[in-house]
Amino acid sequence: MKRAKSRTVSGGSTGPAANPQPAGCPFAEVHQQGVLLRVRVQPRASRTSVEGPLGNELKIRVAAPPVDDAANEALRRFLADRLARSRAAVQLLRGHKSRSKLVLVSGVTLSAVTSALATS
């Protein structure tokens, strides 16, 4: 009787411990280049601010209208300012024409993002 050889796969785990997240942070996860944020944008607000978690997204109000990419640029500028990063470090990966967006912030840690975006 032959035994099947067991293989060990390297490269990390894919379970829940692969991307550790703080308990109250369902909108952010660790990425190899930084942190991925799931954001829900409300354009044409009276002021630009973080409203807080909304399901598995972070609700951010931006004063810019959703015309000619103005709201997306306002979001990138706001996140770059709050996280002390350049605008080039904040990339919009998905949701260019949607209110739900996926944003990659390069060169930051998850704890730095959660503390900088904590609502007060």
PDB file of N, CA and C in Angstrom:
ATOM      1  N   MET A   1       0.842  -1.173   0.000  1.00  0.00           N
ATOM      2  CA  MET A   1       0.000   0.000   0.000  1.00  0.00           C
ATOM      3  C   MET A   1       0.888   1.237   0.000  1.00  0.00           C
ATOM      4  N   LYS A   2       0.657   2.135  -0.950  1.00  0.00           N
ATOM      5  CA  LYS A   2       1.434   3.367  -1.033  1.00  0.00           C
ATOM      6  C   LYS A   2       0.772   4.462  -0.224  1.00  0.00           C
ATOM      7  N   ARG A   3       1.606   5.263   0.369  1.00  0.00           N
ATOM      8  CA  ARG A   3       1.108   6.415   1.117  1.00  0.00           C
ATOM      9  C   ARG A   3       1.277   7.654   0.274  1.00  0.00           C
ATOM     10  N   ALA A   4       0.301   8.503   0.305  1.00  0.00           N
ATOM     11  CA  ALA A   4       0.419   9.784  -0.401  1.00  0.00           C
ATOM     12  C   ALA A   4       1.358  10.679   0.383  1.00  0.00           C
ATOM     13  N   LYS A   5       2.230  11.361  -0.343  1.00  0.00           N
ATOM     14  CA  LYS A   5       3.150  12.279   0.315  1.00  0.00           C
ATOM     15  C   LYS A   5       2.390  13.538   0.715  1.00  0.00           C
ATOM     16  N   SER A   6       2.652  13.980   1.902  1.00  0.00           N
ATOM     17  CA  SER A   6       2.020  15.230   2.325  1.00  0.00           C
ATOM     18  C   SER A   6       2.901  16.387   1.893  1.00  0.00           C
ATOM     19  N   ARG A   7       2.278  17.429   1.454  1.00  0.00           N
ATOM     20  CA  ARG A   7       2.998  18.613   1.007  1.00  0.00           C
ATOM     21  C   ARG A   7       2.784  19.744   1.998  1.00  0.00           C
ATOM     22  N   THR A   8       3.834  20.467   2.203  1.00  0.00           N
ATOM     23  CA  THR A   8       3.746  21.646   3.046  1.00  0.00           C
ATOM     24  C   THR A   8       3.783  22.856   2.139  1.00  0.00           C
ATOM     25  N   VAL A   9       2.780  23.676   2.236  1.00  0.00           N
ATOM     26  CA  VAL A   9       2.695  24.865   1.408  1.00  0.00           C
ATOM     27  C   VAL A   9       3.181  26.046   2.223  1.00  0.00           C
ATOM     28  N   SER A  10       4.165  26.731   1.698  1.00  0.00           N
ATOM     29  CA  SER A  10       4.659  27.913   2.399  1.00  0.00           C
ATOM     30  C   SER A  10       3.982  29.142   1.828  1.00  0.00           C
ATOM     31  N   GLY A  11       4.110  30.240   2.533  1.00  0.00           N
ATOM     32  CA  GLY A  11       3.527  31.471   2.020  1.00  0.00           C
ATOM     33  C   GLY A  11       2.490  32.057   2.948  1.00  0.00           C
ATOM     34  N   GLY A  12       2.281  31.433   4.066  1.00  0.00           N
ATOM     35  CA  GLY A  12       1.375  32.034   5.035  1.00  0.00           C
ATOM     36  C   GLY A  12       0.036  31.365   5.074  1.00  0.00           C
ATOM     37  N   SER A  13      -0.717  31.776   6.025  1.00  0.00           N
ATOM     38  CA  SER A  13      -2.028  31.213   6.266  1.00  0.00           C
ATOM     39  C   SER A  13      -3.095  32.032   5.562  1.00  0.00           C
ATOM     40  N   THR A  14      -4.217  31.400   5.309  1.00  0.00           N
ATOM     41  CA  THR A  14      -5.322  32.130   4.680  1.00  0.00           C
ATOM     42  C   THR A  14      -6.512  32.242   5.615  1.00  0.00           C
ATOM     43  N   GLY A  15      -6.368  31.806   6.842  1.00  0.00           N
ATOM     44  CA  GLY A  15      -7.459  31.842   7.807  1.00  0.00           C
ATOM     45  C   GLY A  15      -7.624  33.220   8.413  1.00  0.00           C
ATOM     46  N   PRO A  16      -8.451  33.346   9.426  1.00  0.00           N
ATOM     47  CA  PRO A  16      -8.723  34.630  10.046  1.00  0.00           C
ATOM     48  C   PRO A  16      -7.498  35.286  10.662  1.00  0.00           C
ATOM     49  N   ALA A  17      -6.504  34.490  11.049  1.00  0.00           N
ATOM     50  CA  ALA A  17      -5.315  35.075  11.662  1.00  0.00           C
ATOM     51  C   ALA A  17      -4.347  35.638  10.631  1.00  0.00           C
ATOM     52  N   ALA A  18      -4.616  35.443   9.328  1.00  0.00           N
ATOM     53  CA  ALA A  18      -3.705  35.932   8.295  1.00  0.00           C
ATOM     54  C   ALA A  18      -3.648  37.452   8.278  1.00  0.00           C
ATOM     55  N   ASN A  19      -4.764  38.108   8.461  1.00  0.00           N
ATOM     56  CA  ASN A  19      -4.832  39.567   8.486  1.00  0.00           C
ATOM     57  C   ASN A  19      -5.437  40.012   9.811  1.00  0.00           C
ATOM     58  N   PRO A  20      -4.612  40.116  10.848  1.00  0.00           N
ATOM     59  CA  PRO A  20      -5.169  40.489  12.144  1.00  0.00           C
ATOM     60  C   PRO A  20      -5.758  41.887  12.104  1.00  0.00           C
ATOM     61  N   GLN A  21      -6.937  42.040  12.674  1.00  0.00           N
ATOM     62  CA  GLN A  21      -7.625  43.323  12.691  1.00  0.00           C
ATOM     63  C   GLN A  21      -8.045  43.636  14.109  1.00  0.00           C
ATOM     64  N   PRO A  22      -8.048  44.924  14.464  1.00  0.00           N
ATOM     65  CA  PRO A  22      -8.607  45.292  15.751  1.00  0.00           C
ATOM     66  C   PRO A  22     -10.091  44.936  15.797  1.00  0.00           C
ATOM     67  N   ALA A  23     -10.612  44.692  16.971  1.00  0.00           N
ATOM     68  CA  ALA A  23     -11.985  44.221  17.120  1.00  0.00           C
ATOM     69  C   ALA A  23     -13.007  45.154  16.492  1.00  0.00           C
ATOM     70  N   GLY A  24     -12.863  46.453  16.634  1.00  0.00           N
ATOM     71  CA  GLY A  24     -13.854  47.381  16.121  1.00  0.00           C
ATOM     72  C   GLY A  24     -13.488  47.973  14.770  1.00  0.00           C
ATOM     73  N   CYS A  25     -12.786  47.223  13.923  1.00  0.00           N
ATOM     74  CA  CYS A  25     -12.296  47.770  12.662  1.00  0.00           C
ATOM     75  C   CYS A  25     -12.633  46.849  11.490  1.00  0.00           C
ATOM     76  N   PRO A  26     -13.911  46.720  11.141  1.00  0.00           N
ATOM     77  CA  PRO A  26     -14.270  45.840  10.029  1.00  0.00           C
ATOM     78  C   PRO A  26     -14.001  46.450   8.660  1.00  0.00           C
ATOM     79  N   PHE A  27     -13.654  47.723   8.607  1.00  0.00           N
ATOM     80  CA  PHE A  27     -13.484  48.426   7.336  1.00  0.00           C
ATOM     81  C   PHE A  27     -12.047  48.467   6.844  1.00  0.00           C
ATOM     82  N   ALA A  28     -11.087  47.951   7.612  1.00  0.00           N
ATOM     83  CA  ALA A  28      -9.674  48.023   7.228  1.00  0.00           C
ATOM     84  C   ALA A  28      -9.024  46.659   7.363  1.00  0.00           C
ATOM     85  N   GLU A  29      -8.061  46.387   6.487  1.00  0.00           N
ATOM     86  CA  GLU A  29      -7.296  45.156   6.590  1.00  0.00           C
ATOM     87  C   GLU A  29      -5.879  45.391   6.094  1.00  0.00           C
ATOM     88  N   VAL A  30      -4.983  44.586   6.615  1.00  0.00           N
ATOM     89  CA  VAL A  30      -3.572  44.704   6.267  1.00  0.00           C
ATOM     90  C   VAL A  30      -3.363  44.203   4.840  1.00  0.00           C
ATOM     91  N   HIS A  31      -2.554  44.924   4.099  1.00  0.00           N
ATOM     92  CA  HIS A  31      -2.167  44.575   2.735  1.00  0.00           C
ATOM     93  C   HIS A  31      -0.649  44.600   2.701  1.00  0.00           C
ATOM     94  N   GLN A  32      -0.034  43.892   1.771  1.00  0.00           N
ATOM     95  CA  GLN A  32       1.431  43.851   1.756  1.00  0.00           C
ATOM     96  C   GLN A  32       2.058  45.214   1.505  1.00  0.00           C
ATOM     97  N   GLN A  33       1.329  46.154   0.903  1.00  0.00           N
ATOM     98  CA  GLN A  33       1.864  47.494   0.660  1.00  0.00           C
ATOM     99  C   GLN A  33       1.406  48.517   1.691  1.00  0.00           C
ATOM    100  N   GLY A  34       0.472  48.161   2.532  1.00  0.00           N
ATOM    101  CA  GLY A  34      -0.043  49.113   3.517  1.00  0.00           C
ATOM    102  C   GLY A  34      -1.340  48.623   4.113  1.00  0.00           C
ATOM    103  N   VAL A  35      -2.402  49.422   3.941  1.00  0.00           N
ATOM    104  CA  VAL A  35      -3.708  49.095   4.508  1.00  0.00           C
ATOM    105  C   VAL A  35      -4.788  49.332   3.458  1.00  0.00           C
ATOM    106  N   LEU A  36      -5.717  48.388   3.360  1.00  0.00           N
ATOM    107  CA  LEU A  36      -6.888  48.540   2.493  1.00  0.00           C
ATOM    108  C   LEU A  36      -8.043  49.059   3.326  1.00  0.00           C
ATOM    109  N   LEU A  37      -8.720  50.080   2.808  1.00  0.00           N
ATOM    110  CA  LEU A  37      -9.883  50.654   3.487  1.00  0.00           C
ATOM    111  C   LEU A  37     -11.115  50.498   2.612  1.00  0.00           C
ATOM    112  N   ARG A  38     -12.205  50.053   3.207  1.00  0.00           N
ATOM    113  CA  ARG A  38     -13.503  50.060   2.531  1.00  0.00           C
ATOM    114  C   ARG A  38     -14.234  51.301   3.017  1.00  0.00           C
ATOM    115  N   VAL A  39     -14.536  52.188   2.081  1.00  0.00           N
ATOM    116  CA  VAL A  39     -15.073  53.503   2.433  1.00  0.00           C
ATOM    117  C   VAL A  39     -16.417  53.706   1.748  1.00  0.00           C
ATOM    118  N   ARG A  40     -17.337  54.314   2.468  1.00  0.00           N
ATOM    119  CA  ARG A  40     -18.627  54.751   1.912  1.00  0.00           C
ATOM    120  C   ARG A  40     -18.598  56.270   1.927  1.00  0.00           C
ATOM    121  N   VAL A  41     -18.654  56.890   0.753  1.00  0.00           N
ATOM    122  CA  VAL A  41     -18.514  58.337   0.625  1.00  0.00           C
ATOM    123  C   VAL A  41     -19.877  58.997   0.470  1.00  0.00           C
ATOM    124  N   GLN A  42     -20.059  60.094   1.195  1.00  0.00           N
ATOM    125  CA  GLN A  42     -21.254  60.918   1.026  1.00  0.00           C
ATOM    126  C   GLN A  42     -20.795  62.251   0.456  1.00  0.00           C
ATOM    127  N   PRO A  43     -20.975  62.462  -0.851  1.00  0.00           N
ATOM    128  CA  PRO A  43     -20.552  63.731  -1.456  1.00  0.00           C
ATOM    129  C   PRO A  43     -21.521  64.866  -1.134  1.00  0.00           C
ATOM    130  N   ARG A  44     -21.098  66.080  -1.426  1.00  0.00           N
ATOM    131  CA  ARG A  44     -21.882  67.305  -1.213  1.00  0.00           C
ATOM    132  C   ARG A  44     -22.292  67.500   0.244  1.00  0.00           C
ATOM    133  N   ALA A  45     -21.423  67.135   1.151  1.00  0.00           N
ATOM    134  CA  ALA A  45     -21.697  67.344   2.576  1.00  0.00           C
ATOM    135  C   ALA A  45     -21.336  68.782   2.937  1.00  0.00           C
ATOM    136  N   SER A  46     -21.783  69.235   4.087  1.00  0.00           N
ATOM    137  CA  SER A  46     -21.467  70.597   4.505  1.00  0.00           C
ATOM    138  C   SER A  46     -19.985  70.744   4.847  1.00  0.00           C
ATOM    139  N   ARG A  47     -19.367  69.652   5.305  1.00  0.00           N
ATOM    140  CA  ARG A  47     -17.925  69.673   5.589  1.00  0.00           C
ATOM    141  C   ARG A  47     -17.379  68.266   5.407  1.00  0.00           C
ATOM    142  N   THR A  48     -16.074  68.150   5.214  1.00  0.00           N
ATOM    143  CA  THR A  48     -15.425  66.853   5.054  1.00  0.00           C
ATOM    144  C   THR A  48     -15.054  66.315   6.431  1.00  0.00           C
ATOM    145  N   SER A  49     -15.529  65.097   6.735  1.00  0.00           N
ATOM    146  CA  SER A  49     -15.275  64.517   8.052  1.00  0.00           C
ATOM    147  C   SER A  49     -15.488  63.010   8.019  1.00  0.00           C
ATOM    148  N   VAL A  50     -14.966  62.344   9.047  1.00  0.00           N
ATOM    149  CA  VAL A  50     -15.194  60.917   9.245  1.00  0.00           C
ATOM    150  C   VAL A  50     -16.433  60.774  10.110  1.00  0.00           C
ATOM    151  N   GLU A  51     -17.391  60.001   9.638  1.00  0.00           N
ATOM    152  CA  GLU A  51     -18.625  59.791  10.402  1.00  0.00           C
ATOM    153  C   GLU A  51     -18.555  58.546  11.274  1.00  0.00           C
ATOM    154  N   GLY A  52     -17.756  57.569  10.882  1.00  0.00           N
ATOM    155  CA  GLY A  52     -17.622  56.351  11.667  1.00  0.00           C
ATOM    156  C   GLY A  52     -17.989  55.127  10.865  1.00  0.00           C
ATOM    157  N   PRO A  53     -17.882  53.957  11.482  1.00  0.00           N
ATOM    158  CA  PRO A  53     -18.186  52.706  10.784  1.00  0.00           C
ATOM    159  C   PRO A  53     -19.658  52.624  10.401  1.00  0.00           C
ATOM    160  N   LEU A  54     -19.892  52.073   9.223  1.00  0.00           N
ATOM    161  CA  LEU A  54     -21.243  51.838   8.711  1.00  0.00           C
ATOM    162  C   LEU A  54     -21.222  50.435   8.120  1.00  0.00           C
ATOM    163  N   GLY A  55     -21.604  49.444   8.919  1.00  0.00           N
ATOM    164  CA  GLY A  55     -21.476  48.053   8.483  1.00  0.00           C
ATOM    165  C   GLY A  55     -20.006  47.687   8.394  1.00  0.00           C
ATOM    166  N   ASN A  56     -19.570  47.232   7.217  1.00  0.00           N
ATOM    167  CA  ASN A  56     -18.157  46.890   7.050  1.00  0.00           C
ATOM    168  C   ASN A  56     -17.405  47.980   6.287  1.00  0.00           C
ATOM    169  N   GLU A  57     -17.956  49.186   6.248  1.00  0.00           N
ATOM    170  CA  GLU A  57     -17.315  50.317   5.582  1.00  0.00           C
ATOM    171  C   GLU A  57     -17.157  51.472   6.570  1.00  0.00           C
ATOM    172  N   LEU A  58     -16.255  52.388   6.240  1.00  0.00           N
ATOM    173  CA  LEU A  58     -16.075  53.604   7.020  1.00  0.00           C
ATOM    174  C   LEU A  58     -16.761  54.734   6.263  1.00  0.00           C
ATOM    175  N   LYS A  59     -17.718  55.385   6.901  1.00  0.00           N
ATOM    176  CA  LYS A  59     -18.433  56.466   6.238  1.00  0.00           C
ATOM    177  C   LYS A  59     -17.636  57.764   6.379  1.00  0.00           C
ATOM    178  N   ILE A  60     -17.355  58.379   5.218  1.00  0.00           N
ATOM    179  CA  ILE A  60     -16.657  59.659   5.176  1.00  0.00           C
ATOM    180  C   ILE A  60     -17.478  60.624   4.351  1.00  0.00           C
ATOM    181  N   ARG A  61     -17.738  61.792   4.920  1.00  0.00           N
ATOM    182  CA  ARG A  61     -18.464  62.843   4.192  1.00  0.00           C
ATOM    183  C   ARG A  61     -17.440  63.754   3.531  1.00  0.00           C
ATOM    184  N   VAL A  62     -17.667  64.095   2.266  1.00  0.00           N
ATOM    185  CA  VAL A  62     -16.790  65.037   1.565  1.00  0.00           C
ATOM    186  C   VAL A  62     -17.633  66.194   1.048  1.00  0.00           C
ATOM    187  N   ALA A  63     -17.070  67.383   1.100  1.00  0.00           N
ATOM    188  CA  ALA A  63     -17.801  68.575   0.687  1.00  0.00           C
ATOM    189  C   ALA A  63     -17.890  68.698  -0.828  1.00  0.00           C
ATOM    190  N   ALA A  64     -17.025  68.029  -1.544  1.00  0.00           N
ATOM    191  CA  ALA A  64     -16.987  68.142  -3.008  1.00  0.00           C
ATOM    192  C   ALA A  64     -18.158  67.392  -3.647  1.00  0.00           C
ATOM    193  N   PRO A  65     -18.620  67.867  -4.808  1.00  0.00           N
ATOM    194  CA  PRO A  65     -19.687  67.164  -5.519  1.00  0.00           C
ATOM    195  C   PRO A  65     -19.109  65.985  -6.310  1.00  0.00           C
ATOM    196  N   PRO A  66     -19.947  65.008  -6.652  1.00  0.00           N
ATOM    197  CA  PRO A  66     -19.462  63.856  -7.418  1.00  0.00           C
ATOM    198  C   PRO A  66     -19.380  64.155  -8.914  1.00  0.00           C
ATOM    199  N   VAL A  67     -18.740  65.236  -9.275  1.00  0.00           N
ATOM    200  CA  VAL A  67     -18.645  65.666 -10.670  1.00  0.00           C
ATOM    201  C   VAL A  67     -17.174  65.786 -11.047  1.00  0.00           C
ATOM    202  N   ASP A  68     -16.818  65.283 -12.207  1.00  0.00           N
ATOM    203  CA  ASP A  68     -15.452  65.388 -12.733  1.00  0.00           C
ATOM    204  C   ASP A  68     -14.418  64.884 -11.732  1.00  0.00           C
ATOM    205  N   ASP A  69     -14.709  63.805 -11.029  1.00  0.00           N
ATOM    206  CA  ASP A  69     -13.777  63.165 -10.099  1.00  0.00           C
ATOM    207  C   ASP A  69     -13.436  64.025  -8.876  1.00  0.00           C
ATOM    208  N   ALA A  70     -14.201  65.081  -8.635  1.00  0.00           N
ATOM    209  CA  ALA A  70     -13.904  65.993  -7.526  1.00  0.00           C
ATOM    210  C   ALA A  70     -14.061  65.311  -6.163  1.00  0.00           C
ATOM    211  N   ALA A  71     -15.085  64.492  -5.995  1.00  0.00           N
ATOM    212  CA  ALA A  71     -15.294  63.819  -4.711  1.00  0.00           C
ATOM    213  C   ALA A  71     -14.183  62.796  -4.441  1.00  0.00           C
ATOM    214  N   ASN A  72     -13.741  62.091  -5.468  1.00  0.00           N
ATOM    215  CA  ASN A  72     -12.650  61.134  -5.301  1.00  0.00           C
ATOM    216  C   ASN A  72     -11.354  61.845  -4.908  1.00  0.00           C
ATOM    217  N   GLU A  73     -11.069  62.951  -5.545  1.00  0.00           N
ATOM    218  CA  GLU A  73      -9.858  63.709  -5.215  1.00  0.00           C
ATOM    219  C   GLU A  73      -9.944  64.303  -3.807  1.00  0.00           C
ATOM    220  N   ALA A  74     -11.133  64.747  -3.422  1.00  0.00           N
ATOM    221  CA  ALA A  74     -11.320  65.274  -2.071  1.00  0.00           C
ATOM    222  C   ALA A  74     -11.100  64.166  -1.036  1.00  0.00           C
ATOM    223  N   LEU A  75     -11.569  62.968  -1.341  1.00  0.00           N
ATOM    224  CA  LEU A  75     -11.365  61.828  -0.447  1.00  0.00           C
ATOM    225  C   LEU A  75      -9.879  61.504  -0.335  1.00  0.00           C
ATOM    226  N   ARG A  76      -9.175  61.435  -1.449  1.00  0.00           N
ATOM    227  CA  ARG A  76      -7.733  61.141  -1.427  1.00  0.00           C
ATOM    228  C   ARG A  76      -6.974  62.207  -0.635  1.00  0.00           C
ATOM    229  N   ARG A  77      -7.302  63.462  -0.857  1.00  0.00           N
ATOM    230  CA  ARG A  77      -6.634  64.570  -0.162  1.00  0.00           C
ATOM    231  C   ARG A  77      -6.904  64.494   1.348  1.00  0.00           C
ATOM    232  N   PHE A  78      -8.156  64.220   1.715  1.00  0.00           N
ATOM    233  CA  PHE A  78      -8.533  64.130   3.122  1.00  0.00           C
ATOM    234  C   PHE A  78      -7.803  62.979   3.817  1.00  0.00           C
ATOM    235  N   LEU A  79      -7.807  61.802   3.199  1.00  0.00           N
ATOM    236  CA  LEU A  79      -7.128  60.656   3.801  1.00  0.00           C
ATOM    237  C   LEU A  79      -5.622  60.887   3.895  1.00  0.00           C
ATOM    238  N   ALA A  80      -5.039  61.483   2.874  1.00  0.00           N
ATOM    239  CA  ALA A  80      -3.602  61.771   2.898  1.00  0.00           C
ATOM    240  C   ALA A  80      -3.264  62.740   4.034  1.00  0.00           C
ATOM    241  N   ASP A  81      -4.086  63.749   4.230  1.00  0.00           N
ATOM    242  CA  ASP A  81      -3.849  64.708   5.316  1.00  0.00           C
ATOM    243  C   ASP A  81      -3.995  64.046   6.682  1.00  0.00           C
ATOM    244  N   ARG A  82      -5.069  63.276   6.875  1.00  0.00           N
ATOM    245  CA  ARG A  82      -5.317  62.639   8.178  1.00  0.00           C
ATOM    246  C   ARG A  82      -4.252  61.602   8.528  1.00  0.00           C
ATOM    247  N   LEU A  83      -3.695  60.927   7.501  1.00  0.00           N
ATOM    248  CA  LEU A  83      -2.734  59.861   7.738  1.00  0.00           C
ATOM    249  C   LEU A  83      -1.286  60.315   7.558  1.00  0.00           C
ATOM    250  N   ALA A  84      -1.084  61.608   7.309  1.00  0.00           N
ATOM    251  CA  ALA A  84       0.254  62.192   7.126  1.00  0.00           C
ATOM    252  C   ALA A  84       1.030  61.476   6.019  1.00  0.00           C
ATOM    253  N   ARG A  85       0.366  61.255   4.907  1.00  0.00           N
ATOM    254  CA  ARG A  85       0.962  60.617   3.734  1.00  0.00           C
ATOM    255  C   ARG A  85       0.820  61.553   2.548  1.00  0.00           C
ATOM    256  N   SER A  86       1.553  61.269   1.486  1.00  0.00           N
ATOM    257  CA  SER A  86       1.379  62.040   0.253  1.00  0.00           C
ATOM    258  C   SER A  86       0.117  61.551  -0.454  1.00  0.00           C
ATOM    259  N   ARG A  87      -0.413  62.368  -1.353  1.00  0.00           N
ATOM    260  CA  ARG A  87      -1.598  61.934  -2.098  1.00  0.00           C
ATOM    261  C   ARG A  87      -1.284  60.738  -2.980  1.00  0.00           C
ATOM    262  N   ALA A  88      -0.039  60.596  -3.407  1.00  0.00           N
ATOM    263  CA  ALA A  88       0.357  59.453  -4.227  1.00  0.00           C
ATOM    264  C   ALA A  88       0.285  58.144  -3.436  1.00  0.00           C
ATOM    265  N   ALA A  89       0.372  58.216  -2.120  1.00  0.00           N
ATOM    266  CA  ALA A  89       0.301  57.027  -1.269  1.00  0.00           C
ATOM    267  C   ALA A  89      -1.135  56.554  -1.068  1.00  0.00           C
ATOM    268  N   VAL A  90      -2.111  57.343  -1.470  1.00  0.00           N
ATOM    269  CA  VAL A  90      -3.527  56.992  -1.325  1.00  0.00           C
ATOM    270  C   VAL A  90      -4.080  56.706  -2.721  1.00  0.00           C
ATOM    271  N   GLN A  91      -4.354  55.435  -2.987  1.00  0.00           N
ATOM    272  CA  GLN A  91      -4.821  55.015  -4.311  1.00  0.00           C
ATOM    273  C   GLN A  91      -6.249  54.500  -4.235  1.00  0.00           C
ATOM    274  N   LEU A  92      -7.062  54.924  -5.163  1.00  0.00           N
ATOM    275  CA  LEU A  92      -8.426  54.435  -5.269  1.00  0.00           C
ATOM    276  C   LEU A  92      -8.393  53.208  -6.176  1.00  0.00           C
ATOM    277  N   LEU A  93      -8.616  52.023  -5.599  1.00  0.00           N
ATOM    278  CA  LEU A  93      -8.523  50.785  -6.366  1.00  0.00           C
ATOM    279  C   LEU A  93      -9.831  50.414  -7.045  1.00  0.00           C
ATOM    280  N   ARG A  94     -10.935  50.682  -6.368  1.00  0.00           N
ATOM    281  CA  ARG A  94     -12.234  50.283  -6.910  1.00  0.00           C
ATOM    282  C   ARG A  94     -13.290  51.278  -6.449  1.00  0.00           C
ATOM    283  N   GLY A  95     -14.297  51.516  -7.301  1.00  0.00           N
ATOM    284  CA  GLY A  95     -15.404  52.373  -6.926  1.00  0.00           C
ATOM    285  C   GLY A  95     -15.283  53.798  -7.408  1.00  0.00           C
ATOM    286  N   HIS A  96     -14.647  54.007  -8.536  1.00  0.00           N
ATOM    287  CA  HIS A  96     -14.459  55.368  -9.059  1.00  0.00           C
ATOM    288  C   HIS A  96     -15.784  56.094  -9.279  1.00  0.00           C
ATOM    289  N   LYS A  97     -16.828  55.364  -9.649  1.00  0.00           N
ATOM    290  CA  LYS A  97     -18.130  55.984  -9.912  1.00  0.00           C
ATOM    291  C   LYS A  97     -19.196  55.514  -8.930  1.00  0.00           C
ATOM    292  N   SER A  98     -18.764  54.993  -7.809  1.00  0.00           N
ATOM    293  CA  SER A  98     -19.684  54.477  -6.802  1.00  0.00           C
ATOM    294  C   SER A  98     -19.413  55.162  -5.472  1.00  0.00           C
ATOM    295  N   ARG A  99     -20.381  55.111  -4.574  1.00  0.00           N
ATOM    296  CA  ARG A  99     -20.162  55.651  -3.230  1.00  0.00           C
ATOM    297  C   ARG A  99     -19.329  54.703  -2.382  1.00  0.00           C
ATOM    298  N   SER A 100     -19.391  53.411  -2.675  1.00  0.00           N
ATOM    299  CA  SER A 100     -18.577  52.417  -1.976  1.00  0.00           C
ATOM    300  C   SER A 100     -17.245  52.287  -2.703  1.00  0.00           C
ATOM    301  N   LYS A 101     -16.152  52.487  -1.976  1.00  0.00           N
ATOM    302  CA  LYS A 101     -14.832  52.529  -2.592  1.00  0.00           C
ATOM    303  C   LYS A 101     -13.864  51.638  -1.831  1.00  0.00           C
ATOM    304  N   LEU A 102     -12.840  51.156  -2.537  1.00  0.00           N
ATOM    305  CA  LEU A 102     -11.752  50.418  -1.933  1.00  0.00           C
ATOM    306  C   LEU A 102     -10.496  51.245  -2.133  1.00  0.00           C
ATOM    307  N   VAL A 103      -9.866  51.633  -1.023  1.00  0.00           N
ATOM    308  CA  VAL A 103      -8.723  52.543  -1.047  1.00  0.00           C
ATOM    309  C   VAL A 103      -7.515  51.835  -0.439  1.00  0.00           C
ATOM    310  N   LEU A 104      -6.366  51.947  -1.117  1.00  0.00           N
ATOM    311  CA  LEU A 104      -5.109  51.426  -0.595  1.00  0.00           C
ATOM    312  C   LEU A 104      -4.267  52.593  -0.121  1.00  0.00           C
ATOM    313  N   VAL A 105      -3.871  52.542   1.147  1.00  0.00           N
ATOM    314  CA  VAL A 105      -2.976  53.554   1.710  1.00  0.00           C
ATOM    315  C   VAL A 105      -1.632  52.874   1.919  1.00  0.00           C
ATOM    316  N   SER A 106      -0.631  53.297   1.171  1.00  0.00           N
ATOM    317  CA  SER A 106       0.688  52.663   1.217  1.00  0.00           C
ATOM    318  C   SER A 106       1.539  53.210   2.349  1.00  0.00           C
ATOM    319  N   GLY A 107       2.344  52.314   2.916  1.00  0.00           N
ATOM    320  CA  GLY A 107       3.340  52.714   3.900  1.00  0.00           C
ATOM    321  C   GLY A 107       2.821  53.075   5.272  1.00  0.00           C
ATOM    322  N   VAL A 108       1.658  52.558   5.653  1.00  0.00           N
ATOM    323  CA  VAL A 108       1.124  52.811   6.996  1.00  0.00           C
ATOM    324  C   VAL A 108       0.758  51.488   7.648  1.00  0.00           C
ATOM    325  N   THR A 109       0.613  51.532   8.958  1.00  0.00           N
ATOM    326  CA  THR A 109       0.187  50.344   9.690  1.00  0.00           C
ATOM    327  C   THR A 109      -1.302  50.432   9.992  1.00  0.00           C
ATOM    328  N   LEU A 110      -1.877  49.302  10.289  1.00  0.00           N
ATOM    329  CA  LEU A 110      -3.300  49.253  10.605  1.00  0.00           C
ATOM    330  C   LEU A 110      -3.621  50.053  11.862  1.00  0.00           C
ATOM    331  N   SER A 111      -2.765  49.974  12.855  1.00  0.00           N
ATOM    332  CA  SER A 111      -3.030  50.715  14.089  1.00  0.00           C
ATOM    333  C   SER A 111      -2.936  52.222  13.862  1.00  0.00           C
ATOM    334  N   ALA A 112      -2.024  52.670  12.998  1.00  0.00           N
ATOM    335  CA  ALA A 112      -1.917  54.099  12.685  1.00  0.00           C
ATOM    336  C   ALA A 112      -3.167  54.589  11.964  1.00  0.00           C
ATOM    337  N   VAL A 113      -3.692  53.779  11.060  1.00  0.00           N
ATOM    338  CA  VAL A 113      -4.905  54.157  10.327  1.00  0.00           C
ATOM    339  C   VAL A 113      -6.096  54.230  11.260  1.00  0.00           C
ATOM    340  N   THR A 114      -6.274  53.225  12.108  1.00  0.00           N
ATOM    341  CA  THR A 114      -7.450  53.212  12.977  1.00  0.00           C
ATOM    342  C   THR A 114      -7.406  54.365  13.994  1.00  0.00           C
ATOM    343  N   SER A 115      -6.220  54.701  14.486  1.00  0.00           N
ATOM    344  CA  SER A 115      -6.151  55.807  15.438  1.00  0.00           C
ATOM    345  C   SER A 115      -6.334  57.155  14.740  1.00  0.00           C
ATOM    346  N   ALA A 116      -5.821  57.313  13.520  1.00  0.00           N
ATOM    347  CA  ALA A 116      -5.953  58.576  12.796  1.00  0.00           C
ATOM    348  C   ALA A 116      -7.379  58.812  12.311  1.00  0.00           C
ATOM    349  N   LEU A 117      -8.112  57.738  12.043  1.00  0.00           N
ATOM    350  CA  LEU A 117      -9.471  57.893  11.518  1.00  0.00           C
ATOM    351  C   LEU A 117     -10.545  57.690  12.588  1.00  0.00           C
ATOM    352  N   ALA A 118     -10.137  57.597  13.830  1.00  0.00           N
ATOM    353  CA  ALA A 118     -11.107  57.456  14.915  1.00  0.00           C
ATOM    354  C   ALA A 118     -11.945  58.726  15.006  1.00  0.00           C
ATOM    355  N   THR A 119     -13.237  58.543  15.106  1.00  0.00           N
ATOM    356  CA  THR A 119     -14.136  59.691  15.199  1.00  0.00           C
ATOM    357  C   THR A 119     -14.105  60.238  16.609  1.00  0.00           C
ATOM    358  N   SER A 120     -14.284  61.530  16.719  1.00  0.00           N
ATOM    359  CA  SER A 120     -14.276  62.129  18.052  1.00  0.00           C
ATOM    360  C   SER A 120     -15.516  62.943  18.285  1.00  0.00           C
TER     361      SER A 120
END
